[in-house]
């Protein structure tokens, strides 16, 4: 039940031209939502670093964060496929 994020990839996404993003919330309180959205805005305005945004997400996400299904292992293109 951790919030899912890949804050470590944001720099790459921004370098690739990311200009819009979506943040989803399920059970967060209004103050948590405000802090998280402000954090993203500050990152995109170059007021804070990716590391600082990561700390903000950890602090305001209740039970912390995880990469979850956003995790892509190093060398994933070299994995052996199973099945036909």
N, C-alpha and C. Protein backbone atom coordinates (compact mmCIF):
# COMPACT_ATOMS: atom_id res chain seq x y z
N UNK A 1 0.82 -1.19 0.00
CA UNK A 1 0.00 0.00 0.00
C UNK A 1 0.86 1.25 0.00
N UNK A 2 2.02 1.16 -0.65
CA UNK A 2 2.87 2.34 -0.78
C UNK A 2 2.52 3.08 -2.07
N UNK A 3 2.72 4.39 -2.04
CA UNK A 3 2.52 5.18 -3.26
C UNK A 3 3.56 4.78 -4.29
N UNK A 4 3.18 4.73 -5.55
CA UNK A 4 4.08 4.31 -6.62
C UNK A 4 4.62 5.53 -7.36
N UNK A 5 5.94 5.58 -7.53
CA UNK A 5 6.57 6.69 -8.23
C UNK A 5 7.89 6.23 -8.84
N UNK A 6 8.33 6.91 -9.86
CA UNK A 6 9.67 6.67 -10.40
C UNK A 6 10.36 8.02 -10.50
N UNK A 7 10.50 8.66 -9.36
CA UNK A 7 11.09 9.99 -9.31
C UNK A 7 12.50 10.01 -9.91
N UNK A 8 13.20 8.89 -9.86
CA UNK A 8 14.54 8.82 -10.41
C UNK A 8 14.60 8.97 -11.92
N UNK A 9 13.48 8.72 -12.60
CA UNK A 9 13.44 8.82 -14.06
C UNK A 9 12.98 10.18 -14.55
N UNK A 10 12.56 11.04 -13.65
CA UNK A 10 11.99 12.33 -14.06
C UNK A 10 12.99 13.16 -14.87
N UNK A 11 14.25 13.16 -14.49
CA UNK A 11 15.25 13.93 -15.24
C UNK A 11 15.32 13.46 -16.69
N UNK A 12 15.30 12.14 -16.89
CA UNK A 12 15.32 11.59 -18.25
C UNK A 12 14.07 11.98 -19.01
N UNK A 13 12.92 11.93 -18.34
CA UNK A 13 11.67 12.29 -19.00
C UNK A 13 11.66 13.76 -19.38
N UNK A 14 12.18 14.61 -18.51
CA UNK A 14 12.24 16.04 -18.81
C UNK A 14 13.19 16.30 -19.98
N UNK A 15 14.33 15.59 -20.00
CA UNK A 15 15.28 15.75 -21.10
C UNK A 15 14.68 15.28 -22.42
N UNK A 16 13.74 14.33 -22.34
CA UNK A 16 13.08 13.81 -23.54
C UNK A 16 11.90 14.69 -23.98
N UNK A 17 11.62 15.75 -23.20
CA UNK A 17 10.58 16.68 -23.61
C UNK A 17 9.29 16.63 -22.81
N UNK A 18 9.27 15.89 -21.70
CA UNK A 18 8.06 15.84 -20.87
C UNK A 18 7.65 17.25 -20.46
N UNK A 19 6.42 17.59 -20.73
CA UNK A 19 5.92 18.90 -20.36
C UNK A 19 4.60 18.82 -19.60
N UNK A 20 4.01 17.63 -19.54
CA UNK A 20 2.75 17.43 -18.82
C UNK A 20 2.90 16.17 -17.97
N UNK A 21 2.25 16.15 -16.85
CA UNK A 21 2.31 14.99 -15.99
C UNK A 21 0.97 14.83 -15.27
N UNK A 22 0.75 13.65 -14.74
CA UNK A 22 -0.48 13.37 -14.00
C UNK A 22 -0.08 12.78 -12.66
N UNK A 23 -0.71 13.26 -11.62
CA UNK A 23 -0.50 12.74 -10.28
C UNK A 23 -1.84 12.22 -9.79
N UNK A 24 -1.85 10.98 -9.32
CA UNK A 24 -3.09 10.38 -8.85
C UNK A 24 -3.04 10.19 -7.34
N UNK A 25 -4.17 10.37 -6.70
CA UNK A 25 -4.28 10.20 -5.26
C UNK A 25 -5.45 9.29 -4.95
N UNK A 26 -5.34 8.53 -3.86
CA UNK A 26 -6.41 7.63 -3.47
C UNK A 26 -6.95 8.01 -2.08
N UNK A 27 -6.06 8.01 -1.08
CA UNK A 27 -6.50 8.24 0.30
C UNK A 27 -5.79 9.42 0.96
N UNK A 28 -5.05 10.19 0.20
CA UNK A 28 -4.29 11.29 0.79
C UNK A 28 -5.22 12.42 1.24
N UNK A 29 -4.76 13.11 2.26
CA UNK A 29 -5.50 14.26 2.78
C UNK A 29 -5.13 15.49 1.96
N UNK A 30 -5.95 16.53 2.06
CA UNK A 30 -5.75 17.75 1.27
C UNK A 30 -4.36 18.34 1.46
N UNK A 31 -3.84 18.35 2.69
CA UNK A 31 -2.51 18.93 2.91
C UNK A 31 -1.41 18.10 2.25
N UNK A 32 -1.58 16.78 2.22
CA UNK A 32 -0.61 15.92 1.55
C UNK A 32 -0.63 16.19 0.04
N UNK A 33 -1.81 16.28 -0.53
CA UNK A 33 -1.96 16.55 -1.96
C UNK A 33 -1.30 17.89 -2.30
N UNK A 34 -1.56 18.91 -1.50
CA UNK A 34 -0.99 20.24 -1.75
C UNK A 34 0.53 20.20 -1.72
N UNK A 35 1.12 19.51 -0.75
CA UNK A 35 2.59 19.43 -0.65
C UNK A 35 3.20 18.68 -1.83
N UNK A 36 2.57 17.60 -2.23
CA UNK A 36 3.09 16.79 -3.35
C UNK A 36 2.99 17.56 -4.67
N UNK A 37 1.84 18.15 -4.92
CA UNK A 37 1.67 18.92 -6.17
C UNK A 37 2.61 20.12 -6.18
N UNK A 38 2.78 20.78 -5.06
CA UNK A 38 3.73 21.90 -4.96
C UNK A 38 5.15 21.41 -5.23
N UNK A 39 5.48 20.23 -4.72
CA UNK A 39 6.81 19.66 -4.96
C UNK A 39 7.08 19.44 -6.44
N UNK A 40 6.13 18.85 -7.14
CA UNK A 40 6.29 18.65 -8.58
C UNK A 40 6.42 19.98 -9.31
N UNK A 41 5.60 20.94 -8.95
CA UNK A 41 5.68 22.27 -9.56
C UNK A 41 7.03 22.92 -9.33
N UNK A 42 7.56 22.76 -8.12
CA UNK A 42 8.88 23.32 -7.80
C UNK A 42 9.98 22.65 -8.61
N UNK A 43 9.87 21.33 -8.81
CA UNK A 43 10.86 20.62 -9.62
C UNK A 43 10.83 21.15 -11.05
N UNK A 44 9.64 21.22 -11.65
CA UNK A 44 9.54 21.64 -13.04
C UNK A 44 9.90 23.11 -13.22
N UNK A 45 9.86 23.90 -12.14
CA UNK A 45 10.27 25.31 -12.20
C UNK A 45 11.74 25.46 -11.82
N UNK A 46 12.45 24.31 -11.67
CA UNK A 46 13.88 24.28 -11.31
C UNK A 46 14.17 24.93 -9.96
N UNK A 47 13.23 24.86 -9.03
CA UNK A 47 13.43 25.42 -7.69
C UNK A 47 13.97 24.38 -6.72
N UNK A 48 13.73 23.09 -7.01
CA UNK A 48 14.25 22.01 -6.18
C UNK A 48 14.82 20.92 -7.09
N UNK A 49 15.60 20.02 -6.50
CA UNK A 49 16.20 18.91 -7.25
C UNK A 49 15.28 17.69 -7.22
N UNK A 50 15.60 16.71 -8.05
CA UNK A 50 14.87 15.45 -8.06
C UNK A 50 14.98 14.79 -6.68
N UNK A 51 16.15 14.85 -6.07
CA UNK A 51 16.34 14.26 -4.74
C UNK A 51 15.43 14.92 -3.71
N UNK A 52 15.30 16.24 -3.79
CA UNK A 52 14.41 16.95 -2.87
C UNK A 52 12.96 16.57 -3.10
N UNK A 53 12.57 16.40 -4.36
CA UNK A 53 11.20 15.95 -4.65
C UNK A 53 10.99 14.56 -4.07
N UNK A 54 11.97 13.69 -4.21
CA UNK A 54 11.87 12.34 -3.65
C UNK A 54 11.64 12.37 -2.15
N UNK A 55 12.34 13.25 -1.45
CA UNK A 55 12.15 13.39 0.00
C UNK A 55 10.75 13.89 0.31
N UNK A 56 10.26 14.85 -0.48
CA UNK A 56 8.91 15.37 -0.29
C UNK A 56 7.88 14.26 -0.46
N UNK A 57 8.05 13.44 -1.49
CA UNK A 57 7.11 12.35 -1.73
C UNK A 57 7.13 11.36 -0.58
N UNK A 58 8.32 11.03 -0.09
CA UNK A 58 8.44 10.10 1.05
C UNK A 58 7.74 10.66 2.29
N UNK A 59 7.94 11.94 2.56
CA UNK A 59 7.38 12.57 3.75
C UNK A 59 5.87 12.67 3.72
N UNK A 60 5.30 12.89 2.56
CA UNK A 60 3.87 13.19 2.47
C UNK A 60 3.03 12.07 1.87
N UNK A 61 3.62 10.91 1.70
CA UNK A 61 2.88 9.81 1.09
C UNK A 61 2.39 8.78 2.11
N UNK A 62 2.30 9.16 3.35
CA UNK A 62 1.77 8.25 4.36
C UNK A 62 2.69 7.09 4.66
N UNK A 63 2.65 6.04 3.85
CA UNK A 63 3.45 4.84 4.10
C UNK A 63 4.71 4.78 3.25
N UNK A 64 5.12 5.88 2.64
CA UNK A 64 6.31 5.89 1.81
C UNK A 64 6.01 5.62 0.35
N UNK A 65 7.06 5.42 -0.44
CA UNK A 65 6.88 5.21 -1.88
C UNK A 65 7.66 3.98 -2.36
N UNK A 66 7.27 3.49 -3.52
CA UNK A 66 7.94 2.37 -4.16
C UNK A 66 7.90 2.58 -5.67
N UNK A 67 8.81 1.95 -6.39
CA UNK A 67 8.74 1.99 -7.85
C UNK A 67 7.65 1.07 -8.36
N UNK A 68 7.35 0.03 -7.62
CA UNK A 68 6.29 -0.90 -8.01
C UNK A 68 6.43 -1.35 -9.44
N UNK A 69 5.36 -1.29 -10.21
CA UNK A 69 5.39 -1.75 -11.60
C UNK A 69 6.16 -0.81 -12.52
N UNK A 70 6.60 0.33 -11.98
CA UNK A 70 7.42 1.25 -12.78
C UNK A 70 8.89 0.82 -12.82
N UNK A 71 9.27 -0.17 -11.98
CA UNK A 71 10.65 -0.64 -11.93
C UNK A 71 11.03 -1.37 -13.21
N UNK A 72 12.14 -0.96 -13.81
CA UNK A 72 12.69 -1.62 -15.00
C UNK A 72 14.12 -2.02 -14.65
N UNK A 73 14.41 -3.32 -14.57
CA UNK A 73 15.74 -3.76 -14.17
C UNK A 73 16.82 -3.42 -15.20
N UNK A 74 18.02 -3.20 -14.73
CA UNK A 74 19.17 -2.95 -15.60
C UNK A 74 19.32 -4.14 -16.55
N UNK A 75 19.52 -3.89 -17.81
CA UNK A 75 19.71 -4.96 -18.79
C UNK A 75 18.44 -5.74 -19.12
N UNK A 76 17.27 -5.13 -18.89
CA UNK A 76 16.01 -5.84 -19.11
C UNK A 76 15.86 -6.34 -20.55
N UNK A 77 16.51 -5.69 -21.50
CA UNK A 77 16.39 -6.11 -22.90
C UNK A 77 17.09 -7.42 -23.16
N UNK A 78 17.95 -7.83 -22.23
CA UNK A 78 18.71 -9.07 -22.40
C UNK A 78 18.06 -10.26 -21.71
N UNK A 79 16.88 -10.09 -21.12
CA UNK A 79 16.22 -11.19 -20.43
C UNK A 79 15.76 -12.23 -21.43
N UNK A 80 15.85 -13.49 -21.03
CA UNK A 80 15.41 -14.59 -21.87
C UNK A 80 13.90 -14.68 -21.79
N UNK A 81 13.25 -14.80 -22.92
CA UNK A 81 11.79 -14.95 -22.96
C UNK A 81 11.43 -16.40 -22.75
N UNK A 82 10.39 -16.61 -21.98
CA UNK A 82 9.90 -17.97 -21.74
C UNK A 82 8.71 -18.23 -22.65
N UNK A 83 8.50 -19.46 -22.99
CA UNK A 83 7.34 -19.84 -23.79
C UNK A 83 7.64 -19.82 -25.28
N UNK A 84 6.61 -20.15 -26.07
CA UNK A 84 6.80 -20.25 -27.52
C UNK A 84 7.07 -18.93 -28.19
